[in-house]
N, C-alpha and C. Protein backbone atom coordinates (compact mmCIF):
# COMPACT_ATOMS: atom_id res chain seq x y z
N MET A 1 6.58 -130.45 -24.49
CA MET A 1 5.23 -131.33 -24.97
C MET A 1 5.42 -130.67 -26.40
N SER A 2 4.83 -131.70 -27.85
CA SER A 2 4.94 -131.42 -29.20
C SER A 2 3.26 -131.01 -28.86
N TYR A 3 2.80 -130.59 -30.12
CA TYR A 3 2.35 -129.71 -31.05
C TYR A 3 0.81 -130.98 -31.20
N LYS A 4 1.47 -132.31 -31.74
CA LYS A 4 0.49 -132.98 -31.38
C LYS A 4 0.19 -133.90 -30.06
N LYS A 5 1.00 -134.13 -29.67
CA LYS A 5 0.62 -134.76 -27.97
C LYS A 5 -0.27 -133.95 -27.35
N ASP A 6 -0.36 -131.95 -27.61
CA ASP A 6 -1.30 -131.43 -26.86
C ASP A 6 -2.51 -131.76 -27.55
N ARG A 7 -2.61 -131.59 -28.76
CA ARG A 7 -3.88 -131.67 -29.62
C ARG A 7 -4.48 -133.37 -29.45
N PHE A 8 -3.50 -134.32 -29.33
CA PHE A 8 -4.36 -135.68 -28.74
C PHE A 8 -4.81 -135.33 -27.51
N ASP A 9 -4.15 -134.81 -26.77
CA ASP A 9 -5.08 -134.06 -25.40
C ASP A 9 -5.86 -133.61 -25.31
N GLU A 10 -5.76 -132.55 -26.21
CA GLU A 10 -6.95 -131.76 -26.07
C GLU A 10 -8.34 -132.34 -26.33
N VAL A 11 -7.83 -133.25 -27.63
CA VAL A 11 -9.62 -134.14 -28.52
C VAL A 11 -10.27 -134.89 -27.43
N ILE A 12 -8.85 -136.01 -26.58
CA ILE A 12 -9.69 -136.62 -25.56
C ILE A 12 -10.19 -135.97 -24.22
N ARG A 13 -9.35 -134.88 -24.00
CA ARG A 13 -10.51 -133.77 -23.05
C ARG A 13 -11.98 -133.18 -23.58
N ASP A 14 -11.81 -133.07 -24.60
CA ASP A 14 -13.48 -132.07 -24.72
C ASP A 14 -13.92 -133.10 -24.96
N HIS A 15 -13.98 -134.44 -25.43
CA HIS A 15 -14.81 -135.76 -25.65
C HIS A 15 -14.92 -136.25 -24.79
N ALA A 16 -13.67 -136.43 -23.28
CA ALA A 16 -14.38 -136.85 -21.91
C ALA A 16 -15.52 -135.73 -21.00
N ALA A 17 -15.43 -134.49 -21.67
CA ALA A 17 -16.06 -133.42 -21.23
C ALA A 17 -17.49 -133.67 -21.13
N ARG A 18 -17.64 -133.73 -22.93
CA ARG A 18 -19.18 -134.06 -23.53
C ARG A 18 -19.67 -135.59 -23.16
N PHE A 19 -18.86 -136.36 -23.14
CA PHE A 19 -19.72 -137.75 -22.55
C PHE A 19 -19.91 -137.41 -20.96
N PHE A 20 -19.05 -136.90 -20.69
CA PHE A 20 -19.53 -137.06 -18.87
C PHE A 20 -20.80 -135.89 -18.97
N SER A 21 -20.86 -135.10 -19.48
CA SER A 21 -22.04 -134.35 -19.37
C SER A 21 -23.41 -134.84 -19.93
N MET A 22 -22.81 -135.89 -20.98
CA MET A 22 -24.25 -136.30 -21.39
C MET A 22 -24.93 -137.60 -20.65
N GLU A 23 -23.57 -138.58 -20.31
CA GLU A 23 -24.32 -139.74 -19.46
C GLU A 23 -24.31 -139.67 -18.24
N SER A 24 -23.21 -138.38 -17.38
CA SER A 24 -23.92 -138.28 -15.94
C SER A 24 -25.61 -138.24 -15.40
N ASN A 25 -25.65 -139.04 -14.43
CA ASN A 25 -27.51 -138.36 -13.75
C ASN A 25 -27.51 -137.43 -13.00
N ARG A 26 -26.90 -136.42 -13.22
CA ARG A 26 -26.49 -134.84 -12.58
C ARG A 26 -27.06 -134.76 -11.00
N THR A 27 -26.75 -135.72 -10.21
CA THR A 27 -26.69 -135.29 -9.13
C THR A 27 -25.09 -135.15 -8.56
N SER A 28 -24.19 -134.91 -9.11
CA SER A 28 -22.94 -133.96 -9.22
C SER A 28 -22.62 -133.70 -10.77
N MET A 29 -21.62 -132.62 -9.99
CA MET A 29 -20.87 -131.52 -11.11
C MET A 29 -19.96 -132.34 -11.47
N ILE A 30 -19.67 -133.20 -13.07
CA ILE A 30 -17.85 -133.28 -12.76
C ILE A 30 -17.03 -132.21 -13.95
N THR A 31 -16.19 -132.15 -13.78
CA THR A 31 -15.31 -131.31 -14.52
C THR A 31 -14.10 -131.65 -14.73
N ILE A 32 -13.80 -132.09 -16.13
CA ILE A 32 -12.45 -132.79 -16.72
C ILE A 32 -11.68 -131.76 -16.67
N THR A 33 -10.33 -131.82 -15.73
CA THR A 33 -9.15 -130.77 -15.46
C THR A 33 -8.01 -131.24 -15.89
N LYS A 34 -7.47 -132.62 -16.20
CA LYS A 34 -6.29 -132.81 -16.73
C LYS A 34 -6.15 -134.64 -17.71
N ILE A 35 -5.51 -134.17 -18.59
CA ILE A 35 -5.18 -135.36 -19.46
C ILE A 35 -3.90 -135.77 -19.69
N THR A 36 -3.60 -137.35 -18.71
CA THR A 36 -1.78 -137.50 -18.97
C THR A 36 -2.30 -138.29 -19.72
N SER A 37 -1.17 -138.35 -21.00
CA SER A 37 -1.39 -139.89 -21.74
C SER A 37 0.35 -140.27 -22.14
N THR A 38 0.44 -141.11 -22.88
CA THR A 38 1.92 -142.03 -22.78
C THR A 38 1.99 -141.53 -24.42
N ASP A 39 3.78 -141.37 -24.37
CA ASP A 39 4.10 -141.09 -25.98
C ASP A 39 3.34 -141.69 -26.83
N LYS A 40 3.41 -143.28 -26.72
CA LYS A 40 2.68 -143.25 -28.03
C LYS A 40 1.38 -143.11 -28.07
N GLY A 41 0.55 -142.68 -27.07
CA GLY A 41 -0.91 -142.48 -27.11
C GLY A 41 -2.04 -143.80 -26.96
N ASP A 42 -1.15 -144.87 -26.48
CA ASP A 42 -1.96 -146.02 -25.67
C ASP A 42 -2.31 -146.00 -24.41
N ARG A 43 -1.89 -145.48 -23.72
CA ARG A 43 -2.98 -144.88 -22.53
C ARG A 43 -3.13 -143.70 -22.03
N VAL A 44 -4.58 -143.72 -21.60
CA VAL A 44 -4.53 -141.96 -21.10
C VAL A 44 -5.21 -142.27 -20.23
N THR A 45 -4.59 -141.41 -19.03
CA THR A 45 -5.26 -141.25 -17.61
C THR A 45 -6.42 -139.67 -17.69
N VAL A 46 -7.11 -139.78 -17.37
CA VAL A 46 -8.44 -138.58 -17.47
C VAL A 46 -8.66 -138.47 -16.04
N TYR A 47 -8.52 -137.18 -15.69
CA TYR A 47 -8.55 -136.24 -14.05
C TYR A 47 -9.36 -135.29 -13.99
N PHE A 48 -10.50 -135.88 -12.95
CA PHE A 48 -11.35 -134.94 -13.06
C PHE A 48 -11.91 -134.65 -11.20
N THR A 49 -12.63 -133.49 -11.27
CA THR A 49 -13.09 -133.26 -9.76
C THR A 49 -14.45 -133.24 -9.89
N VAL A 50 -15.42 -133.37 -8.66
CA VAL A 50 -16.51 -133.36 -8.65
C VAL A 50 -17.23 -132.42 -7.58
N TYR A 51 -18.17 -132.14 -7.75
CA TYR A 51 -18.88 -131.25 -6.72
C TYR A 51 -20.52 -131.44 -6.90
N PRO A 52 -20.59 -131.81 -5.88
CA PRO A 52 -20.21 -132.00 -4.50
C PRO A 52 -19.26 -133.11 -4.15
N GLU A 53 -18.15 -132.86 -3.18
CA GLU A 53 -16.96 -132.82 -3.06
C GLU A 53 -17.33 -134.88 -2.22
N ASN A 54 -18.79 -135.08 -1.77
CA ASN A 54 -19.12 -136.22 -0.52
C ASN A 54 -19.47 -137.07 -1.93
N ARG A 55 -19.57 -136.49 -3.19
CA ARG A 55 -19.80 -137.31 -4.49
C ARG A 55 -18.56 -138.18 -5.02
N GLU A 56 -17.79 -138.21 -5.00
CA GLU A 56 -16.74 -138.47 -5.20
C GLU A 56 -16.46 -139.85 -5.37
N GLU A 57 -16.65 -140.53 -5.12
CA GLU A 57 -16.71 -141.69 -5.07
C GLU A 57 -17.59 -142.61 -6.08
N ALA A 58 -18.89 -142.23 -5.62
CA ALA A 58 -19.77 -142.11 -6.70
C ALA A 58 -19.52 -142.01 -8.37
N ALA A 59 -18.76 -140.82 -8.07
CA ALA A 59 -18.41 -140.38 -9.23
C ALA A 59 -17.42 -141.33 -10.18
N LEU A 60 -16.15 -141.42 -9.34
CA LEU A 60 -15.03 -142.50 -9.50
C LEU A 60 -15.93 -143.86 -10.20
N ASP A 61 -16.41 -143.91 -9.29
CA ASP A 61 -17.15 -145.67 -10.01
C ASP A 61 -18.42 -145.87 -11.09
N PHE A 62 -19.07 -144.49 -11.19
CA PHE A 62 -19.56 -144.01 -12.76
C PHE A 62 -18.30 -144.28 -13.55
N ALA A 63 -17.62 -143.38 -13.78
CA ALA A 63 -16.18 -142.81 -14.53
C ALA A 63 -15.73 -144.59 -14.75
N ARG A 64 -15.46 -145.47 -14.08
CA ARG A 64 -14.57 -146.72 -13.89
C ARG A 64 -15.77 -147.32 -14.98
N ARG A 65 -17.07 -147.39 -14.23
CA ARG A 65 -17.87 -148.34 -15.37
C ARG A 65 -18.15 -148.06 -17.04
N LYS A 66 -17.87 -146.69 -16.62
CA LYS A 66 -18.30 -146.70 -18.29
C LYS A 66 -17.06 -146.23 -19.43
N ARG A 67 -16.32 -146.74 -18.33
CA ARG A 67 -14.90 -146.88 -19.35
C ARG A 67 -14.61 -147.45 -20.98
N SER A 68 -15.57 -148.68 -21.12
CA SER A 68 -15.63 -148.94 -21.90
C SER A 68 -16.36 -148.15 -23.24
N ASP A 69 -17.88 -148.04 -22.61
CA ASP A 69 -18.63 -146.94 -23.26
C ASP A 69 -17.89 -145.43 -24.00
N PHE A 70 -17.02 -144.94 -23.31
CA PHE A 70 -16.29 -144.01 -23.31
C PHE A 70 -15.43 -143.75 -24.16
N ARG A 71 -14.50 -145.61 -24.56
CA ARG A 71 -13.99 -145.84 -25.08
C ARG A 71 -14.10 -145.77 -26.82
N ASN A 72 -15.78 -146.66 -26.75
CA ASN A 72 -16.44 -146.00 -28.02
C ASN A 72 -16.90 -144.95 -28.26
N PHE A 73 -16.99 -144.34 -27.44
CA PHE A 73 -17.81 -142.59 -27.40
C PHE A 73 -16.61 -142.04 -28.62
N VAL A 74 -14.85 -141.83 -27.73
CA VAL A 74 -14.24 -141.70 -28.60
C VAL A 74 -13.94 -141.88 -29.87
N ARG A 75 -14.19 -143.45 -30.14
CA ARG A 75 -13.70 -144.25 -31.33
C ARG A 75 -14.98 -143.57 -32.50
N ASP A 76 -15.90 -143.45 -32.24
CA ASP A 76 -17.10 -143.28 -32.97
C ASP A 76 -17.22 -142.13 -33.28
N ASN A 77 -16.51 -141.32 -32.05
CA ASN A 77 -16.76 -139.21 -33.00
C ASN A 77 -15.57 -138.98 -32.78
N SER A 78 -14.18 -139.63 -32.81
CA SER A 78 -12.73 -138.74 -33.53
C SER A 78 -12.43 -139.24 -34.18
N ARG A 79 -11.18 -139.13 -35.05
CA ARG A 79 -10.41 -139.66 -36.28
C ARG A 79 -8.87 -139.78 -35.47
N LEU A 80 -9.01 -139.96 -35.03
CA LEU A 80 -7.82 -140.89 -34.05
C LEU A 80 -7.70 -141.67 -34.75
N SER A 81 -6.22 -142.59 -34.92
CA SER A 81 -5.84 -143.66 -35.41
C SER A 81 -5.24 -145.07 -34.31
N ILE A 82 -5.23 -144.27 -33.02
CA ILE A 82 -5.17 -145.22 -32.32
C ILE A 82 -6.26 -144.97 -30.79
N ILE A 83 -6.86 -145.94 -30.72
CA ILE A 83 -8.33 -145.39 -29.39
C ILE A 83 -7.08 -145.80 -28.53
N PRO A 84 -7.07 -145.01 -27.04
CA PRO A 84 -6.15 -145.38 -26.15
C PRO A 84 -7.60 -146.08 -25.33
N PHE A 85 -6.45 -146.71 -24.28
CA PHE A 85 -7.43 -147.07 -22.81
C PHE A 85 -7.44 -146.52 -22.17
N PHE A 86 -8.72 -146.28 -21.38
CA PHE A 86 -8.44 -145.13 -20.49
C PHE A 86 -8.45 -145.45 -18.74
N GLU A 87 -8.32 -144.69 -17.75
CA GLU A 87 -7.95 -144.62 -16.30
C GLU A 87 -8.69 -143.34 -16.21
N PHE A 88 -9.78 -143.27 -14.86
CA PHE A 88 -10.11 -142.26 -14.41
C PHE A 88 -9.64 -142.16 -12.84
N GLU A 89 -8.84 -141.08 -12.52
CA GLU A 89 -8.74 -140.66 -11.37
C GLU A 89 -9.47 -139.19 -11.13
N ILE A 90 -9.61 -139.10 -9.69
CA ILE A 90 -9.71 -138.07 -8.75
C ILE A 90 -8.60 -136.91 -8.77
N ASP A 91 -8.81 -135.68 -9.33
CA ASP A 91 -7.80 -135.18 -9.19
C ASP A 91 -7.06 -134.25 -7.90
N ARG A 92 -6.24 -135.00 -7.30
CA ARG A 92 -6.26 -134.23 -6.18
C ARG A 92 -5.85 -133.00 -6.04
N GLY A 93 -4.56 -132.91 -7.01
CA GLY A 93 -3.53 -131.45 -6.96
C GLY A 93 -4.45 -130.45 -7.02
N GLU A 94 -5.88 -130.56 -7.77
CA GLU A 94 -6.40 -129.54 -7.91
C GLU A 94 -7.16 -129.59 -6.61
N LYS A 95 -7.38 -130.11 -5.61
CA LYS A 95 -8.27 -130.31 -4.18
C LYS A 95 -7.29 -129.65 -4.05
N ALA A 96 -6.18 -129.89 -3.72
CA ALA A 96 -4.50 -128.93 -2.69
C ALA A 96 -4.71 -127.96 -3.01
N ARG A 97 -5.06 -127.21 -4.86
CA ARG A 97 -4.83 -126.04 -4.77
C ARG A 97 -6.14 -124.82 -4.53
N GLN A 98 -7.24 -125.71 -4.69
CA GLN A 98 -8.66 -124.47 -4.28
C GLN A 98 -8.61 -124.88 -2.77
N LYS A 99 -8.01 -125.89 -2.03
CA LYS A 99 -7.88 -125.22 -0.20
C LYS A 99 -6.44 -124.16 -0.39
N ILE A 100 -5.83 -124.40 -0.70
CA ILE A 100 -4.72 -123.08 -0.66
C ILE A 100 -5.37 -122.12 -0.96
N ASP A 101 -6.11 -121.45 -2.39
CA ASP A 101 -6.58 -120.10 -2.34
C ASP A 101 -7.79 -119.84 -1.71
N ALA A 102 -8.51 -120.81 -1.12
CA ALA A 102 -9.29 -120.54 0.02
C ALA A 102 -8.53 -119.68 1.56
N ILE A 103 -7.77 -120.69 1.76
CA ILE A 103 -6.88 -120.23 3.44
C ILE A 103 -5.86 -118.70 2.47
N ALA A 104 -5.37 -118.37 1.34
CA ALA A 104 -4.99 -117.54 1.04
C ALA A 104 -6.17 -116.19 1.01
N LEU A 105 -7.48 -116.44 1.01
CA LEU A 105 -8.29 -115.36 0.74
C LEU A 105 -8.43 -114.57 2.72
């Protein structure tokens, strides 16, 4: 990965964390775990985990409803030349890692 792509992903991750911290209703904790983006930076997928786990679907619905608000937030609070289109997904890989860690203990 290049420094530019890493920096781009980090800016998006930071903005996503701030946005969900401000916008969520505090019934669940949303943690941004990973960002994947295309080489051009025109599409970004934001992966997150939710605690408690039974609130995952509600949090995913919330994130998808707030997609355009998040895009506006990134546009207004960053100096990115291209504002990407965003998708949101539950980070299933992180959930699997946590289960493995729990079994190993």
